[in-house]
Amino acid sequence: TDLKFASTPNLKVDVVFLCLGHGNSARFLTEFMFGD
């Protein structure tokens, strides 16, 4: 792959996987509000 790490998430993807340390997912979802 030629992919590079992104500095901001795309909030309009079809699915997002959260692979964060325990306790960080809620914080992330509060900062970045994905749509329905």
ModelCIF file with pLDDT and N, C-alpha, C, O atoms, coordinates in Angstrom:
data_MODEL
#
_entry.id   MODEL 
#
_entity.id                         1 
_entity.type                       polymer 
_entity.pdbx_number_of_molecules   1 
#
_entity_poly.entity_id                      1 
_entity_poly.type                           'polypeptide(L)' 
_entity_poly.nstd_linkage                   no 
_entity_poly.nstd_monomer                   no 
_entity_poly.pdbx_seq_one_letter_code       TDLKFASTPNLKVDVVFLCLGHGNSARFLTEFMFGD 
_entity_poly.pdbx_seq_one_letter_code_can   TDLKFASTPNLKVDVVFLCLGHGNSARFLTEFMFGD 
_entity_poly.pdbx_strand_id                 A 
#
loop_
_entity_poly_seq.entity_id 
_entity_poly_seq.num 
_entity_poly_seq.mon_id 
_entity_poly_seq.hetero 
1 1  THR n 
1 2  ASP n 
1 3  LEU n 
1 4  LYS n 
1 5  PHE n 
1 6  ALA n 
1 7  SER n 
1 8  THR n 
1 9  PRO n 
1 10 ASN n 
1 11 LEU n 
1 12 LYS n 
1 13 VAL n 
1 14 ASP n 
1 15 VAL n 
1 16 VAL n 
1 17 PHE n 
1 18 LEU n 
1 19 CYS n 
1 20 LEU n 
1 21 GLY n 
1 22 HIS n 
1 23 GLY n 
1 24 ASN n 
1 25 SER n 
1 26 ALA n 
1 27 ARG n 
1 28 PHE n 
1 29 LEU n 
1 30 THR n 
1 31 GLU n 
1 32 PHE n 
1 33 MET n 
1 34 PHE n 
1 35 GLY n 
1 36 ASP n 
#
_struct_asym.id          A 
_struct_asym.entity_id   1 
#
loop_
_ma_qa_metric.id 
_ma_qa_metric.mode 
_ma_qa_metric.name 
_ma_qa_metric.software_group_id 
_ma_qa_metric.type 
1 global pLDDT . pLDDT 
2 local  pLDDT . pLDDT 
#
_ma_qa_metric_global.metric_id      1 
_ma_qa_metric_global.metric_value   93.61 
_ma_qa_metric_global.model_id       1 
_ma_qa_metric_global.ordinal_id     1 
#
loop_
_ma_qa_metric_local.label_asym_id 
_ma_qa_metric_local.label_comp_id 
_ma_qa_metric_local.label_seq_id 
_ma_qa_metric_local.metric_id 
_ma_qa_metric_local.metric_value 
_ma_qa_metric_local.model_id 
_ma_qa_metric_local.ordinal_id 
A THR 1  2 94.00 1 1  
A ASP 2  2 93.00 1 2  
A LEU 3  2 95.00 1 3  
A LYS 4  2 95.00 1 4  
A PHE 5  2 95.00 1 5  
A ALA 6  2 95.00 1 6  
A SER 7  2 91.00 1 7  
A THR 8  2 93.00 1 8  
A PRO 9  2 95.00 1 9  
A ASN 10 2 95.00 1 10 
A LEU 11 2 96.00 1 11 
A LYS 12 2 96.00 1 12 
A VAL 13 2 98.00 1 13 
A ASP 14 2 98.00 1 14 
A VAL 15 2 98.00 1 15 
A VAL 16 2 98.00 1 16 
A PHE 17 2 98.00 1 17 
A LEU 18 2 97.00 1 18 
A CYS 19 2 95.00 1 19 
A LEU 20 2 92.00 1 20 
A GLY 21 2 84.00 1 21 
A HIS 22 2 81.00 1 22 
A GLY 23 2 85.00 1 23 
A ASN 24 2 93.00 1 24 
A SER 25 2 95.00 1 25 
A ALA 26 2 94.00 1 26 
A ARG 27 2 94.00 1 27 
A PHE 28 2 95.00 1 28 
A LEU 29 2 95.00 1 29 
A THR 30 2 94.00 1 30 
A GLU 31 2 94.00 1 31 
A PHE 32 2 95.00 1 32 
A MET 33 2 92.00 1 33 
A PHE 34 2 93.00 1 34 
A GLY 35 2 89.00 1 35 
A ASP 36 2 90.00 1 36 
#
loop_
_atom_site.group_PDB 
_atom_site.id 
_atom_site.type_symbol 
_atom_site.label_atom_id 
_atom_site.label_alt_id 
_atom_site.label_comp_id 
_atom_site.label_asym_id 
_atom_site.label_entity_id 
_atom_site.label_seq_id 
_atom_site.pdbx_PDB_ins_code 
_atom_site.Cartn_x 
_atom_site.Cartn_y 
_atom_site.Cartn_z 
_atom_site.occupancy 
_atom_site.B_iso_or_equiv 
_atom_site.pdbx_formal_charge 
_atom_site.auth_seq_id 
_atom_site.auth_comp_id 
_atom_site.auth_asym_id 
_atom_site.auth_atom_id 
_atom_site.pdbx_PDB_model_num 
ATOM 1   N N  . THR A 1 1  ? 0.834   -1.198 0.000  1.00 94.00 ? 1  THR A N  1 
ATOM 2   C CA . THR A 1 1  ? 0.000   0.000  0.000  1.00 94.00 ? 1  THR A CA 1 
ATOM 3   C C  . THR A 1 1  ? 0.868   1.248  0.000  1.00 94.00 ? 1  THR A C  1 
ATOM 4   O O  . THR A 1 1  ? 1.969   1.259  0.551  1.00 94.00 ? 1  THR A O  1 
ATOM 5   N N  . ASP A 1 2  ? 0.349   2.305  -0.633 1.00 93.00 ? 2  ASP A N  1 
ATOM 6   C CA . ASP A 1 2  ? 1.007   3.615  -0.612 1.00 93.00 ? 2  ASP A CA 1 
ATOM 7   C C  . ASP A 1 2  ? 0.313   4.558  0.355  1.00 93.00 ? 2  ASP A C  1 
ATOM 8   O O  . ASP A 1 2  ? 0.633   5.746  0.393  1.00 93.00 ? 2  ASP A O  1 
ATOM 9   N N  . LEU A 1 3  ? -0.621  4.055  1.128  1.00 95.00 ? 3  LEU A N  1 
ATOM 10  C CA . LEU A 1 3  ? -1.356  4.885  2.075  1.00 95.00 ? 3  LEU A CA 1 
ATOM 11  C C  . LEU A 1 3  ? -0.423  5.546  3.084  1.00 95.00 ? 3  LEU A C  1 
ATOM 12  O O  . LEU A 1 3  ? 0.603   4.990  3.473  1.00 95.00 ? 3  LEU A O  1 
ATOM 13  N N  . LYS A 1 4  ? -0.818  6.761  3.496  1.00 95.00 ? 4  LYS A N  1 
ATOM 14  C CA . LYS A 1 4  ? -0.119  7.460  4.566  1.00 95.00 ? 4  LYS A CA 1 
ATOM 15  C C  . LYS A 1 4  ? -1.112  7.765  5.692  1.00 95.00 ? 4  LYS A C  1 
ATOM 16  O O  . LYS A 1 4  ? -2.316  7.881  5.463  1.00 95.00 ? 4  LYS A O  1 
ATOM 17  N N  . PHE A 1 5  ? -0.590  7.888  6.892  1.00 95.00 ? 5  PHE A N  1 
ATOM 18  C CA . PHE A 1 5  ? -1.446  8.239  8.020  1.00 95.00 ? 5  PHE A CA 1 
ATOM 19  C C  . PHE A 1 5  ? -2.021  9.633  7.818  1.00 95.00 ? 5  PHE A C  1 
ATOM 20  O O  . PHE A 1 5  ? -1.314  10.555 7.411  1.00 95.00 ? 5  PHE A O  1 
ATOM 21  N N  . ALA A 1 6  ? -3.320  9.779  8.110  1.00 95.00 ? 6  ALA A N  1 
ATOM 22  C CA . ALA A 1 6  ? -4.013  11.056 7.934  1.00 95.00 ? 6  ALA A CA 1 
ATOM 23  C C  . ALA A 1 6  ? -4.012  11.854 9.234  1.00 95.00 ? 6  ALA A C  1 
ATOM 24  O O  . ALA A 1 6  ? -3.970  11.288 10.327 1.00 95.00 ? 6  ALA A O  1 
ATOM 25  N N  . SER A 1 7  ? -4.058  13.159 9.099  1.00 91.00 ? 7  SER A N  1 
ATOM 26  C CA . SER A 1 7  ? -4.074  14.037 10.278 1.00 91.00 ? 7  SER A CA 1 
ATOM 27  C C  . SER A 1 7  ? -5.491  14.333 10.742 1.00 91.00 ? 7  SER A C  1 
ATOM 28  O O  . SER A 1 7  ? -5.700  14.762 11.876 1.00 91.00 ? 7  SER A O  1 
ATOM 29  N N  . THR A 1 8  ? -6.477  14.102 9.859  1.00 93.00 ? 8  THR A N  1 
ATOM 30  C CA . THR A 1 8  ? -7.885  14.305 10.222 1.00 93.00 ? 8  THR A CA 1 
ATOM 31  C C  . THR A 1 8  ? -8.715  13.151 9.648  1.00 93.00 ? 8  THR A C  1 
ATOM 32  O O  . THR A 1 8  ? -8.410  12.651 8.565  1.00 93.00 ? 8  THR A O  1 
ATOM 33  N N  . PRO A 1 9  ? -9.748  12.731 10.356 1.00 95.00 ? 9  PRO A N  1 
ATOM 34  C CA . PRO A 1 9  ? -10.614 11.663 9.835  1.00 95.00 ? 9  PRO A CA 1 
ATOM 35  C C  . PRO A 1 9  ? -11.666 12.216 8.882  1.00 95.00 ? 9  PRO A C  1 
ATOM 36  O O  . PRO A 1 9  ? -12.084 13.367 9.006  1.00 95.00 ? 9  PRO A O  1 
ATOM 37  N N  . ASN A 1 10 ? -12.088 11.391 7.934  1.00 95.00 ? 10 ASN A N  1 
ATOM 38  C CA . ASN A 1 10 ? -13.208 11.735 7.062  1.00 95.00 ? 10 ASN A CA 1 
ATOM 39  C C  . ASN A 1 10 ? -14.485 11.298 7.771  1.00 95.00 ? 10 ASN A C  1 
ATOM 40  O O  . ASN A 1 10 ? -14.703 10.104 7.980  1.00 95.00 ? 10 ASN A O  1 
ATOM 41  N N  . LEU A 1 11 ? -15.324 12.255 8.139  1.00 96.00 ? 11 LEU A N  1 
ATOM 42  C CA . LEU A 1 11 ? -16.518 11.954 8.933  1.00 96.00 ? 11 LEU A CA 1 
ATOM 43  C C  . LEU A 1 11 ? -17.671 11.393 8.105  1.00 96.00 ? 11 LEU A C  1 
ATOM 44  O O  . LEU A 1 11 ? -18.758 11.159 8.633  1.00 96.00 ? 11 LEU A O  1 
ATOM 45  N N  . LYS A 1 12 ? -17.437 11.175 6.797  1.00 96.00 ? 12 LYS A N  1 
ATOM 46  C CA . LYS A 1 12 ? -18.514 10.697 5.933  1.00 96.00 ? 12 LYS A CA 1 
ATOM 47  C C  . LYS A 1 12 ? -18.237 9.305  5.355  1.00 96.00 ? 12 LYS A C  1 
ATOM 48  O O  . LYS A 1 12 ? -18.865 8.909  4.373  1.00 96.00 ? 12 LYS A O  1 
ATOM 49  N N  . VAL A 1 13 ? -17.306 8.563  5.955  1.00 98.00 ? 13 VAL A N  1 
ATOM 50  C CA . VAL A 1 13 ? -17.052 7.199  5.482  1.00 98.00 ? 13 VAL A CA 1 
ATOM 51  C C  . VAL A 1 13 ? -18.240 6.305  5.826  1.00 98.00 ? 13 VAL A C  1 
ATOM 52  O O  . VAL A 1 13 ? -19.085 6.662  6.647  1.00 98.00 ? 13 VAL A O  1 
ATOM 53  N N  . ASP A 1 14 ? -18.291 5.143  5.188  1.00 98.00 ? 14 ASP A N  1 
ATOM 54  C CA . ASP A 1 14 ? -19.387 4.202  5.450  1.00 98.00 ? 14 ASP A CA 1 
ATOM 55  C C  . ASP A 1 14 ? -19.218 3.496  6.790  1.00 98.00 ? 14 ASP A C  1 
ATOM 56  O O  . ASP A 1 14 ? -20.198 3.220  7.482  1.00 98.00 ? 14 ASP A O  1 
ATOM 57  N N  . VAL A 1 15 ? -17.967 3.204  7.155  1.00 98.00 ? 15 VAL A N  1 
ATOM 58  C CA . VAL A 1 15 ? -17.696 2.522  8.421  1.00 98.00 ? 15 VAL A CA 1 
ATOM 59  C C  . VAL A 1 15 ? -16.366 3.001  8.972  1.00 98.00 ? 15 VAL A C  1 
ATOM 60  O O  . VAL A 1 15 ? -15.416 3.225  8.222  1.00 98.00 ? 15 VAL A O  1 
ATOM 61  N N  . VAL A 1 16 ? -16.306 3.155  10.274 1.00 98.00 ? 16 VAL A N  1 
ATOM 62  C CA . VAL A 1 16 ? -15.056 3.526  10.926 1.00 98.00 ? 16 VAL A CA 1 
ATOM 63  C C  . VAL A 1 16 ? -14.764 2.527  12.037 1.00 98.00 ? 16 VAL A C  1 
ATOM 64  O O  . VAL A 1 16 ? -15.643 2.187  12.829 1.00 98.00 ? 16 VAL A O  1 
ATOM 65  N N  . PHE A 1 17 ? -13.517 2.062  12.087 1.00 98.00 ? 17 PHE A N  1 
ATOM 66  C CA . PHE A 1 17 ? -13.060 1.150  13.127 1.00 98.00 ? 17 PHE A CA 1 
ATOM 67  C C  . PHE A 1 17 ? -12.247 1.949  14.140 1.00 98.00 ? 17 PHE A C  1 
ATOM 68  O O  . PHE A 1 17 ? -11.295 2.639  13.773 1.00 98.00 ? 17 PHE A O  1 
ATOM 69  N N  . LEU A 1 18 ? -12.619 1.856  15.404 1.00 97.00 ? 18 LEU A N  1 
ATOM 70  C CA . LEU A 1 18 ? -11.890 2.554  16.462 1.00 97.00 ? 18 LEU A CA 1 
ATOM 71  C C  . LEU A 1 18 ? -10.958 1.575  17.153 1.00 97.00 ? 18 LEU A C  1 
ATOM 72  O O  . LEU A 1 18 ? -11.404 0.681  17.873 1.00 97.00 ? 18 LEU A O  1 
ATOM 73  N N  . CYS A 1 19 ? -9.655  1.748  16.931 1.00 95.00 ? 19 CYS A N  1 
ATOM 74  C CA . CYS A 1 19 ? -8.637  0.877  17.528 1.00 95.00 ? 19 CYS A CA 1 
ATOM 75  C C  . CYS A 1 19 ? -7.834  1.665  18.547 1.00 95.00 ? 19 CYS A C  1 
ATOM 76  O O  . CYS A 1 19 ? -6.604  1.691  18.502 1.00 95.00 ? 19 CYS A O  1 
ATOM 77  N N  . LEU A 1 20 ? -8.531  2.297  19.452 1.00 92.00 ? 20 LEU A N  1 
ATOM 78  C CA . LEU A 1 20 ? -7.912  3.172  20.432 1.00 92.00 ? 20 LEU A CA 1 
ATOM 79  C C  . LEU A 1 20 ? -7.743  2.470  21.766 1.00 92.00 ? 20 LEU A C  1 
ATOM 80  O O  . LEU A 1 20 ? -8.396  1.463  22.037 1.00 92.00 ? 20 LEU A O  1 
ATOM 81  N N  . GLY A 1 21 ? -6.863  3.008  22.596 1.00 84.00 ? 21 GLY A N  1 
ATOM 82  C CA . GLY A 1 21 ? -6.695  2.471  23.938 1.00 84.00 ? 21 GLY A CA 1 
ATOM 83  C C  . GLY A 1 21 ? -7.971  2.620  24.742 1.00 84.00 ? 21 GLY A C  1 
ATOM 84  O O  . GLY A 1 21 ? -8.766  3.532  24.512 1.00 84.00 ? 21 GLY A O  1 
ATOM 85  N N  . HIS A 1 22 ? -8.156  1.714  25.685 1.00 81.00 ? 22 HIS A N  1 
ATOM 86  C CA . HIS A 1 22 ? -9.370  1.731  26.487 1.00 81.00 ? 22 HIS A CA 1 
ATOM 87  C C  . HIS A 1 22 ? -9.532  3.089  27.183 1.00 81.00 ? 22 HIS A C  1 
ATOM 88  O O  . HIS A 1 22 ? -8.612  3.596  27.825 1.00 81.00 ? 22 HIS A O  1 
ATOM 89  N N  . GLY A 1 23 ? -10.732 3.655  27.033 1.00 85.00 ? 23 GLY A N  1 
ATOM 90  C CA . GLY A 1 23 ? -11.019 4.962  27.621 1.00 85.00 ? 23 GLY A CA 1 
ATOM 91  C C  . GLY A 1 23 ? -10.929 6.106  26.641 1.00 85.00 ? 23 GLY A C  1 
ATOM 92  O O  . GLY A 1 23 ? -11.284 7.235  26.980 1.00 85.00 ? 23 GLY A O  1 
ATOM 93  N N  . ASN A 1 24 ? -10.454 5.839  25.411 1.00 93.00 ? 24 ASN A N  1 
ATOM 94  C CA . ASN A 1 24 ? -10.249 6.924  24.448 1.00 93.00 ? 24 ASN A CA 1 
ATOM 95  C C  . ASN A 1 24 ? -11.319 7.009  23.371 1.00 93.00 ? 24 ASN A C  1 
ATOM 96  O O  . ASN A 1 24 ? -11.417 8.030  22.689 1.00 93.00 ? 24 ASN A O  1 
ATOM 97  N N  . SER A 1 25 ? -12.121 5.969  23.199 1.00 95.00 ? 25 SER A N  1 
ATOM 98  C CA . SER A 1 25 ? -13.123 5.984  22.130 1.00 95.00 ? 25 SER A CA 1 
ATOM 99  C C  . SER A 1 25 ? -14.192 7.044  22.369 1.00 95.00 ? 25 SER A C  1 
ATOM 100 O O  . SER A 1 25 ? -14.551 7.779  21.449 1.00 95.00 ? 25 SER A O  1 
ATOM 101 N N  . ALA A 1 26 ? -14.700 7.130  23.590 1.00 94.00 ? 26 ALA A N  1 
ATOM 102 C CA . ALA A 1 26 ? -15.726 8.127  23.896 1.00 94.00 ? 26 ALA A CA 1 
ATOM 103 C C  . ALA A 1 26 ? -15.188 9.530  23.689 1.00 94.00 ? 26 ALA A C  1 
ATOM 104 O O  . ALA A 1 26 ? -15.891 10.397 23.170 1.00 94.00 ? 26 ALA A O  1 
ATOM 105 N N  . ARG A 1 27 ? -13.955 9.758  24.088 1.00 94.00 ? 27 ARG A N  1 
ATOM 106 C CA . ARG A 1 27 ? -13.330 11.068 23.907 1.00 94.00 ? 27 ARG A CA 1 
ATOM 107 C C  . ARG A 1 27 ? -13.220 11.404 22.423 1.00 94.00 ? 27 ARG A C  1 
ATOM 108 O O  . ARG A 1 27 ? -13.492 12.533 22.016 1.00 94.00 ? 27 ARG A O  1 
ATOM 109 N N  . PHE A 1 28 ? -12.824 10.430 21.625 1.00 95.00 ? 28 PHE A N  1 
ATOM 110 C CA . PHE A 1 28 ? -12.689 10.658 20.188 1.00 95.00 ? 28 PHE A CA 1 
ATOM 111 C C  . PHE A 1 28 ? -14.046 10.953 19.551 1.00 95.00 ? 28 PHE A C  1 
ATOM 112 O O  . PHE A 1 28 ? -14.161 11.881 18.751 1.00 95.00 ? 28 PHE A O  1 
ATOM 113 N N  . LEU A 1 29 ? -15.072 10.177 19.895 1.00 95.00 ? 29 LEU A N  1 
ATOM 114 C CA . LEU A 1 29 ? -16.393 10.363 19.297 1.00 95.00 ? 29 LEU A CA 1 
ATOM 115 C C  . LEU A 1 29 ? -17.047 11.656 19.744 1.00 95.00 ? 29 LEU A C  1 
ATOM 116 O O  . LEU A 1 29 ? -17.938 12.166 19.064 1.00 95.00 ? 29 LEU A O  1 
ATOM 117 N N  . THR A 1 30 ? -16.616 12.193 20.878 1.00 94.00 ? 30 THR A N  1 
ATOM 118 C CA . THR A 1 30 ? -17.106 13.494 21.322 1.00 94.00 ? 30 THR A CA 1 
ATOM 119 C C  . THR A 1 30 ? -16.480 14.614 20.504 1.00 94.00 ? 30 THR A C  1 
ATOM 120 O O  . THR A 1 30 ? -17.132 15.612 20.197 1.00 94.00 ? 30 THR A O  1 
ATOM 121 N N  . GLU A 1 31 ? -15.215 14.439 20.156 1.00 94.00 ? 31 GLU A N  1 
ATOM 122 C CA . GLU A 1 31 ? -14.496 15.443 19.366 1.00 94.00 ? 31 GLU A CA 1 
ATOM 123 C C  . GLU A 1 31 ? -14.847 15.372 17.891 1.00 94.00 ? 31 GLU A C  1 
ATOM 124 O O  . GLU A 1 31 ? -14.955 16.403 17.228 1.00 94.00 ? 31 GLU A O  1 
ATOM 125 N N  . PHE A 1 32 ? -15.028 14.159 17.370 1.00 95.00 ? 32 PHE A N  1 
ATOM 126 C CA . PHE A 1 32 ? -15.337 13.967 15.953 1.00 95.00 ? 32 PHE A CA 1 
ATOM 127 C C  . PHE A 1 32 ? -16.703 13.302 15.832 1.00 95.00 ? 32 PHE A C  1 
ATOM 128 O O  . PHE A 1 32 ? -16.855 12.117 16.129 1.00 95.00 ? 32 PHE A O  1 
ATOM 129 N N  . MET A 1 33 ? -17.683 14.065 15.398 1.00 92.00 ? 33 MET A N  1 
ATOM 130 C CA . MET A 1 33 ? -19.067 13.596 15.365 1.00 92.00 ? 33 MET A CA 1 
ATOM 131 C C  . MET A 1 33 ? -19.399 12.989 14.000 1.00 92.00 ? 33 MET A C  1 
ATOM 132 O O  . MET A 1 33 ? -19.671 13.711 13.041 1.00 92.00 ? 33 MET A O  1 
ATOM 133 N N  . PHE A 1 34 ? -19.373 11.667 13.925 1.00 93.00 ? 34 PHE A N  1 
ATOM 134 C CA . PHE A 1 34 ? -19.761 10.973 12.696 1.00 93.00 ? 34 PHE A CA 1 
ATOM 135 C C  . PHE A 1 34 ? -21.281 10.990 12.556 1.00 93.00 ? 34 PHE A C  1 
ATOM 136 O O  . PHE A 1 34 ? -22.004 10.918 13.549 1.00 93.00 ? 34 PHE A O  1 
ATOM 137 N N  . GLY A 1 35 ? -21.755 11.086 11.320 1.00 89.00 ? 35 GLY A N  1 
ATOM 138 C CA . GLY A 1 35 ? -23.185 11.123 11.066 1.00 89.00 ? 35 GLY A CA 1 
ATOM 139 C C  . GLY A 1 35 ? -23.835 9.762  11.187 1.00 89.00 ? 35 GLY A C  1 
ATOM 140 O O  . GLY A 1 35 ? -23.166 8.750  11.398 1.00 89.00 ? 35 GLY A O  1 
ATOM 141 N N  . ASP A 1 36 ? -25.153 9.755  11.050 1.00 90.00 ? 36 ASP A N  1 
ATOM 142 C CA . ASP A 1 36 ? -25.906 8.510  11.191 1.00 90.00 ? 36 ASP A CA 1 
ATOM 143 C C  . ASP A 1 36 ? -25.626 7.528  10.062 1.00 90.00 ? 36 ASP A C  1 
ATOM 144 O O  . ASP A 1 36 ? -26.187 6.433  10.043 1.00 90.00 ? 36 ASP A O  1 
#
